[in-house]
């Protein structure tokens, strides 16, 4: 971990693990992935038309992807903490 990455991680650590997991995992990764996935499926099935039932797919995506984002955020936190501790030694 270089000095810049270390300083950035130290700033994130101050806000805490829960904040990081919710912000980075659930909100940033989970919601953005849900939006992109829903749009992608809609375009595959309907092309550029506005027809089709997108609601059921969107509801499912907006439930499952944030859950996945929670676990992704936990993994990233653990991975970054490991790198941070190793660079401290």
N, C-alpha and C. Protein backbone atom coordinates (compact mmCIF):
# COMPACT_ATOMS: atom_id res chain seq x y z
N UNK A 1 0.86 -1.18 0.00
CA UNK A 1 0.00 0.00 0.00
C UNK A 1 0.90 1.24 0.00
N UNK A 2 0.73 2.12 -0.99
CA UNK A 2 1.56 3.33 -1.06
C UNK A 2 1.04 4.38 -0.08
N UNK A 3 1.78 5.47 0.07
CA UNK A 3 1.43 6.49 1.05
C UNK A 3 0.07 7.14 0.76
N UNK A 4 -0.21 7.38 -0.50
CA UNK A 4 -1.50 8.00 -0.86
C UNK A 4 -2.67 7.09 -0.50
N UNK A 5 -2.55 5.81 -0.87
CA UNK A 5 -3.61 4.85 -0.55
C UNK A 5 -3.78 4.71 0.96
N UNK A 6 -2.67 4.72 1.65
CA UNK A 6 -2.70 4.60 3.10
C UNK A 6 -3.45 5.78 3.73
N UNK A 7 -3.16 6.99 3.29
CA UNK A 7 -3.84 8.18 3.82
C UNK A 7 -5.34 8.14 3.52
N UNK A 8 -5.69 7.73 2.30
CA UNK A 8 -7.10 7.64 1.93
C UNK A 8 -7.83 6.59 2.78
N UNK A 9 -7.16 5.46 3.01
CA UNK A 9 -7.78 4.42 3.82
C UNK A 9 -7.93 4.87 5.27
N UNK A 10 -6.95 5.60 5.78
CA UNK A 10 -7.04 6.11 7.15
C UNK A 10 -8.23 7.04 7.31
N UNK A 11 -8.54 7.84 6.30
CA UNK A 11 -9.72 8.72 6.35
C UNK A 11 -11.00 7.89 6.38
N UNK A 12 -11.04 6.83 5.56
CA UNK A 12 -12.23 5.97 5.54
C UNK A 12 -12.39 5.20 6.85
N UNK A 13 -11.29 4.79 7.44
CA UNK A 13 -11.33 4.04 8.69
C UNK A 13 -11.95 4.86 9.82
N UNK A 14 -11.72 6.17 9.80
CA UNK A 14 -12.26 7.05 10.85
C UNK A 14 -13.79 7.00 10.85
N UNK A 15 -14.39 6.91 9.68
CA UNK A 15 -15.85 6.86 9.59
C UNK A 15 -16.41 5.52 10.04
N UNK A 16 -15.59 4.48 10.02
CA UNK A 16 -16.00 3.18 10.55
C UNK A 16 -16.42 2.17 9.50
N UNK A 17 -16.41 0.94 9.93
CA UNK A 17 -16.73 -0.19 9.06
C UNK A 17 -18.17 -0.13 8.56
N UNK A 18 -19.11 0.12 9.46
CA UNK A 18 -20.53 0.15 9.06
C UNK A 18 -20.78 1.21 8.01
N UNK A 19 -20.23 2.38 8.22
CA UNK A 19 -20.41 3.47 7.26
C UNK A 19 -19.83 3.08 5.90
N UNK A 20 -18.65 2.49 5.91
CA UNK A 20 -18.02 2.08 4.65
C UNK A 20 -18.86 1.03 3.93
N UNK A 21 -19.33 0.04 4.67
CA UNK A 21 -20.11 -1.05 4.05
C UNK A 21 -21.41 -0.51 3.46
N UNK A 22 -22.08 0.36 4.19
CA UNK A 22 -23.34 0.92 3.69
C UNK A 22 -23.09 1.83 2.49
N UNK A 23 -22.13 2.75 2.62
CA UNK A 23 -21.86 3.70 1.55
C UNK A 23 -21.29 3.03 0.29
N UNK A 24 -20.21 2.29 0.47
CA UNK A 24 -19.51 1.71 -0.68
C UNK A 24 -20.18 0.45 -1.21
N UNK A 25 -20.63 -0.40 -0.30
CA UNK A 25 -21.20 -1.67 -0.72
C UNK A 25 -22.65 -1.58 -1.14
N UNK A 26 -23.49 -1.14 -0.19
CA UNK A 26 -24.94 -1.15 -0.44
C UNK A 26 -25.35 -0.03 -1.40
N UNK A 27 -24.96 1.20 -1.08
CA UNK A 27 -25.44 2.32 -1.89
C UNK A 27 -24.71 2.47 -3.22
N UNK A 28 -23.39 2.51 -3.18
CA UNK A 28 -22.66 2.73 -4.44
C UNK A 28 -22.70 1.50 -5.33
N UNK A 29 -22.25 0.37 -4.82
CA UNK A 29 -22.18 -0.82 -5.67
C UNK A 29 -23.57 -1.42 -5.87
N UNK A 30 -24.30 -1.64 -4.78
CA UNK A 30 -25.58 -2.34 -4.88
C UNK A 30 -26.61 -1.61 -5.71
N UNK A 31 -26.81 -0.33 -5.43
CA UNK A 31 -27.83 0.42 -6.17
C UNK A 31 -27.43 0.70 -7.62
N UNK A 32 -26.16 1.05 -7.82
CA UNK A 32 -25.75 1.32 -9.20
C UNK A 32 -25.81 0.05 -10.05
N UNK A 33 -25.44 -1.07 -9.48
CA UNK A 33 -25.52 -2.34 -10.20
C UNK A 33 -26.97 -2.72 -10.47
N UNK A 34 -27.86 -2.46 -9.52
CA UNK A 34 -29.28 -2.75 -9.72
C UNK A 34 -29.85 -1.92 -10.87
N UNK A 35 -29.48 -0.66 -10.93
CA UNK A 35 -29.95 0.21 -12.01
C UNK A 35 -29.43 -0.29 -13.36
N UNK A 36 -28.13 -0.55 -13.44
CA UNK A 36 -27.54 -1.01 -14.70
C UNK A 36 -28.11 -2.36 -15.13
N UNK A 37 -28.28 -3.27 -14.19
CA UNK A 37 -28.82 -4.60 -14.49
C UNK A 37 -30.26 -4.49 -15.02
N UNK A 38 -31.07 -3.68 -14.36
CA UNK A 38 -32.46 -3.51 -14.77
C UNK A 38 -32.54 -2.91 -16.17
N UNK A 39 -31.73 -1.89 -16.43
CA UNK A 39 -31.73 -1.28 -17.76
C UNK A 39 -31.23 -2.26 -18.82
N UNK A 40 -30.20 -3.01 -18.48
CA UNK A 40 -29.65 -4.00 -19.41
C UNK A 40 -30.71 -5.05 -19.78
N UNK A 41 -31.40 -5.60 -18.78
CA UNK A 41 -32.44 -6.59 -19.07
C UNK A 41 -33.56 -5.98 -19.90
N UNK A 42 -33.93 -4.78 -19.56
CA UNK A 42 -35.01 -4.12 -20.31
C UNK A 42 -34.61 -3.92 -21.77
N UNK A 43 -33.38 -3.49 -21.99
CA UNK A 43 -32.92 -3.30 -23.38
C UNK A 43 -32.81 -4.61 -24.13
N UNK A 44 -32.40 -5.67 -23.46
CA UNK A 44 -32.32 -6.99 -24.12
C UNK A 44 -33.69 -7.47 -24.57
N UNK A 45 -34.69 -7.25 -23.72
CA UNK A 45 -36.02 -7.76 -24.03
C UNK A 45 -36.83 -6.85 -24.94
N UNK A 46 -36.65 -5.54 -24.80
CA UNK A 46 -37.53 -4.59 -25.48
C UNK A 46 -36.82 -3.63 -26.42
N UNK A 47 -35.53 -3.70 -26.49
CA UNK A 47 -34.80 -2.73 -27.29
C UNK A 47 -34.93 -1.35 -26.69
N UNK A 48 -35.01 -0.34 -27.51
CA UNK A 48 -35.08 1.04 -27.03
C UNK A 48 -36.51 1.51 -26.82
N UNK A 49 -37.48 0.61 -26.88
CA UNK A 49 -38.87 1.02 -26.65
C UNK A 49 -39.14 1.10 -25.15
N UNK A 50 -40.18 1.82 -24.80
CA UNK A 50 -40.53 1.96 -23.39
C UNK A 50 -41.58 0.95 -22.96
N UNK A 51 -41.89 -0.01 -23.80
CA UNK A 51 -42.89 -1.01 -23.44
C UNK A 51 -42.25 -2.11 -22.60
N UNK A 52 -43.07 -2.94 -22.04
CA UNK A 52 -42.58 -4.06 -21.26
C UNK A 52 -42.75 -3.82 -19.77
N UNK A 53 -42.73 -4.91 -19.01
CA UNK A 53 -42.89 -4.83 -17.56
C UNK A 53 -41.51 -4.86 -16.90
N UNK A 54 -41.07 -3.71 -16.52
CA UNK A 54 -39.75 -3.60 -15.91
C UNK A 54 -39.84 -3.60 -14.38
N UNK A 55 -41.03 -3.39 -13.84
CA UNK A 55 -41.21 -3.22 -12.40
C UNK A 55 -40.78 -4.45 -11.61
N UNK A 56 -41.22 -5.63 -11.99
CA UNK A 56 -40.88 -6.83 -11.22
C UNK A 56 -39.37 -7.10 -11.23
N UNK A 57 -38.74 -6.86 -12.36
CA UNK A 57 -37.29 -7.05 -12.45
C UNK A 57 -36.56 -6.02 -11.59
N UNK A 58 -37.04 -4.80 -11.62
CA UNK A 58 -36.41 -3.73 -10.84
C UNK A 58 -36.54 -3.99 -9.34
N UNK A 59 -37.71 -4.41 -8.91
CA UNK A 59 -37.91 -4.70 -7.47
C UNK A 59 -36.95 -5.78 -7.01
N UNK A 60 -36.85 -6.84 -7.76
CA UNK A 60 -35.94 -7.92 -7.40
C UNK A 60 -34.48 -7.45 -7.40
N UNK A 61 -34.10 -6.70 -8.43
CA UNK A 61 -32.73 -6.19 -8.52
C UNK A 61 -32.41 -5.25 -7.36
N UNK A 62 -33.37 -4.39 -6.99
CA UNK A 62 -33.14 -3.43 -5.91
C UNK A 62 -33.19 -4.07 -4.53
N UNK A 63 -33.55 -5.32 -4.46
CA UNK A 63 -33.45 -6.08 -3.20
C UNK A 63 -32.16 -6.88 -3.17
N UNK A 64 -31.91 -7.63 -4.23
CA UNK A 64 -30.78 -8.56 -4.24
C UNK A 64 -29.41 -7.89 -4.38
N UNK A 65 -29.28 -6.91 -5.25
CA UNK A 65 -27.97 -6.29 -5.44
C UNK A 65 -27.47 -5.53 -4.22
N UNK A 66 -28.32 -4.79 -3.50
CA UNK A 66 -27.82 -4.18 -2.27
C UNK A 66 -27.41 -5.20 -1.21
N UNK A 67 -28.10 -6.34 -1.16
CA UNK A 67 -27.68 -7.41 -0.23
C UNK A 67 -26.30 -7.91 -0.63
N UNK A 68 -26.11 -8.15 -1.92
CA UNK A 68 -24.79 -8.54 -2.41
C UNK A 68 -23.76 -7.46 -2.14
N UNK A 69 -24.16 -6.20 -2.28
CA UNK A 69 -23.26 -5.08 -2.00
C UNK A 69 -22.82 -5.02 -0.56
N UNK A 70 -23.70 -5.44 0.35
CA UNK A 70 -23.34 -5.49 1.77
C UNK A 70 -22.17 -6.46 1.97
N UNK A 71 -22.29 -7.63 1.40
CA UNK A 71 -21.22 -8.63 1.54
C UNK A 71 -19.96 -8.22 0.78
N UNK A 72 -20.12 -7.56 -0.36
CA UNK A 72 -18.98 -7.05 -1.10
C UNK A 72 -18.25 -5.99 -0.26
N UNK A 73 -19.02 -5.10 0.37
CA UNK A 73 -18.43 -4.07 1.23
C UNK A 73 -17.66 -4.67 2.40
N UNK A 74 -18.21 -5.72 3.00
CA UNK A 74 -17.50 -6.40 4.09
C UNK A 74 -16.19 -7.00 3.61
N UNK A 75 -16.22 -7.61 2.43
CA UNK A 75 -15.01 -8.21 1.88
C UNK A 75 -13.96 -7.15 1.58
N UNK A 76 -14.37 -6.05 0.96
CA UNK A 76 -13.42 -4.98 0.62
C UNK A 76 -12.83 -4.39 1.90
N UNK A 77 -13.65 -4.19 2.91
CA UNK A 77 -13.15 -3.66 4.19
C UNK A 77 -12.07 -4.59 4.76
N UNK A 78 -12.36 -5.87 4.80
CA UNK A 78 -11.40 -6.85 5.34
C UNK A 78 -10.11 -6.87 4.51
N UNK A 79 -10.25 -6.83 3.21
CA UNK A 79 -9.10 -6.85 2.31
C UNK A 79 -8.23 -5.61 2.51
N UNK A 80 -8.87 -4.44 2.58
CA UNK A 80 -8.14 -3.20 2.78
C UNK A 80 -7.48 -3.15 4.16
N UNK A 81 -8.17 -3.64 5.16
CA UNK A 81 -7.59 -3.68 6.51
C UNK A 81 -6.35 -4.57 6.55
N UNK A 82 -6.42 -5.69 5.86
CA UNK A 82 -5.27 -6.59 5.79
C UNK A 82 -4.08 -5.89 5.13
N UNK A 83 -4.35 -5.22 4.00
CA UNK A 83 -3.27 -4.49 3.32
C UNK A 83 -2.74 -3.37 4.20
N UNK A 84 -3.61 -2.68 4.92
CA UNK A 84 -3.21 -1.59 5.80
C UNK A 84 -2.31 -2.10 6.93
N UNK A 85 -2.72 -3.19 7.55
CA UNK A 85 -1.92 -3.77 8.64
C UNK A 85 -0.57 -4.25 8.14
N UNK A 86 -0.55 -4.86 6.96
CA UNK A 86 0.72 -5.33 6.40
C UNK A 86 1.66 -4.18 6.08
N UNK A 87 1.12 -3.06 5.65
CA UNK A 87 1.98 -1.91 5.33
C UNK A 87 2.47 -1.21 6.59
N UNK A 88 1.81 -1.48 7.73
CA UNK A 88 2.22 -0.88 9.00
C UNK A 88 3.40 -1.59 9.61
N UNK A 89 3.61 -2.82 9.23
CA UNK A 89 4.67 -3.64 9.83
C UNK A 89 6.04 -3.29 9.30
